[in-house]
């Protein structure tokens, strides 16, 4: 997932667009590291800005799980293209 300007989008690396098709799949939760780490820099406030307040939040070890009563895949922006290769 990529996060930018209060939008979440699939990609840009190692993903299949079909995974994010809301007609075929249902995703009603977000799992984050708690606290955010360099490998997962998404903060809970970014998720709330994008999808609204969760109906429930669970703290499970080093994770926070935010659950919703809607399919979050329907609220995703179009996927981002990967950045161009570095010339050289």
Protein backbone atom coordinates (compact mmCIF):
# COMPACT_ATOMS: atom_id res chain seq x y z
CA UNK A 1 0.00 0.00 0.00
CA UNK A 2 1.03 3.58 -0.62
CA UNK A 3 -0.25 6.55 1.33
CA UNK A 4 -0.23 10.10 -0.07
CA UNK A 5 -2.34 13.22 0.45
CA UNK A 6 -4.81 11.37 2.69
CA UNK A 7 -5.28 8.68 0.04
CA UNK A 8 -4.40 5.01 0.12
CA UNK A 9 -3.59 3.14 -3.07
CA UNK A 10 -2.32 -0.29 -4.09
CA UNK A 11 1.37 -0.60 -4.97
CA UNK A 12 3.61 0.56 -6.36
CA UNK A 13 5.68 -2.60 -5.82
CA UNK A 14 5.00 -6.35 -5.62
CA UNK A 15 1.23 -6.42 -5.91
CA UNK A 16 -1.51 -7.67 -8.17
CA UNK A 17 -4.28 -5.18 -8.99
CA UNK A 18 -6.83 -8.03 -8.68
CA UNK A 19 -6.09 -8.25 -4.92
CA UNK A 20 -7.69 -4.82 -4.48
CA UNK A 21 -10.86 -5.39 -6.52
CA UNK A 22 -13.80 -4.64 -4.16
CA UNK A 23 -16.12 -6.74 -6.35
CA UNK A 24 -14.03 -9.83 -5.65
CA UNK A 25 -12.62 -9.17 -2.17
CA UNK A 26 -13.69 -7.64 1.11
CA UNK A 27 -11.24 -5.93 3.46
CA UNK A 28 -12.66 -4.33 6.57
CA UNK A 29 -9.51 -3.95 8.67
CA UNK A 30 -6.08 -2.31 8.74
CA UNK A 31 -3.09 -3.74 10.62
CA UNK A 32 -0.32 -1.34 11.68
CA UNK A 33 2.84 -1.57 13.72
CA UNK A 34 2.45 0.12 17.10
CA UNK A 35 4.41 2.33 17.19
CA UNK A 36 5.11 2.96 13.51
CA UNK A 37 8.53 1.72 12.34
CA UNK A 38 10.72 2.47 9.32
CA UNK A 39 9.33 -0.69 7.63
CA UNK A 40 5.74 0.41 8.34
CA UNK A 41 5.61 4.17 8.66
CA UNK A 42 1.81 4.48 8.44
CA UNK A 43 0.35 6.11 11.54
CA UNK A 44 -3.13 5.46 12.90
CA UNK A 45 -4.11 9.10 12.26
CA UNK A 46 -3.36 8.60 8.54
CA UNK A 47 -5.72 5.63 8.44
CA UNK A 48 -8.42 7.66 10.22
CA UNK A 49 -7.93 10.58 7.79
CA UNK A 50 -8.38 8.18 4.87
CA UNK A 51 -11.11 5.81 6.06
CA UNK A 52 -12.64 7.58 9.07
CA UNK A 53 -12.79 6.34 12.66
CA UNK A 54 -12.75 2.56 13.03
CA UNK A 55 -15.66 0.84 14.78
CA UNK A 56 -13.16 -1.06 16.95
CA UNK A 57 -9.43 -0.97 17.62
CA UNK A 58 -7.46 -3.88 19.05
CA UNK A 59 -3.93 -3.82 20.47
CA UNK A 60 -2.28 -7.17 19.79
CA UNK A 61 1.39 -7.34 20.76
CA UNK A 62 3.32 -4.95 18.52
CA UNK A 63 0.28 -4.37 16.27
CA UNK A 64 -2.86 -2.28 16.26
CA UNK A 65 -5.82 -3.64 14.28
CA UNK A 66 -8.46 -1.15 13.18
CA UNK A 67 -11.79 -2.65 12.04
CA UNK A 68 -14.51 -1.02 9.94
CA UNK A 69 -18.07 -1.86 8.93
CA UNK A 70 -17.37 -1.19 5.26
CA UNK A 71 -15.20 -2.64 2.49
CA UNK A 72 -12.11 -0.42 2.55
CA UNK A 73 -11.13 -1.56 -0.94
CA UNK A 74 -13.96 0.61 -2.30
CA UNK A 75 -12.24 3.71 -0.90
CA UNK A 76 -8.81 3.17 -2.43
CA UNK A 77 -7.34 5.53 -5.00
CA UNK A 78 -5.94 4.22 -8.30
CA UNK A 79 -2.60 2.48 -7.93
CA UNK A 80 0.61 4.43 -8.17
CA UNK A 81 3.13 3.63 -10.89
CA UNK A 82 6.57 2.65 -9.66
CA UNK A 83 9.16 5.43 -9.86
CA UNK A 84 11.37 5.44 -12.97
CA UNK A 85 14.65 3.54 -12.75
CA UNK A 86 17.68 5.53 -11.68
CA UNK A 87 19.81 6.47 -14.68
CA UNK A 88 23.41 5.64 -14.50
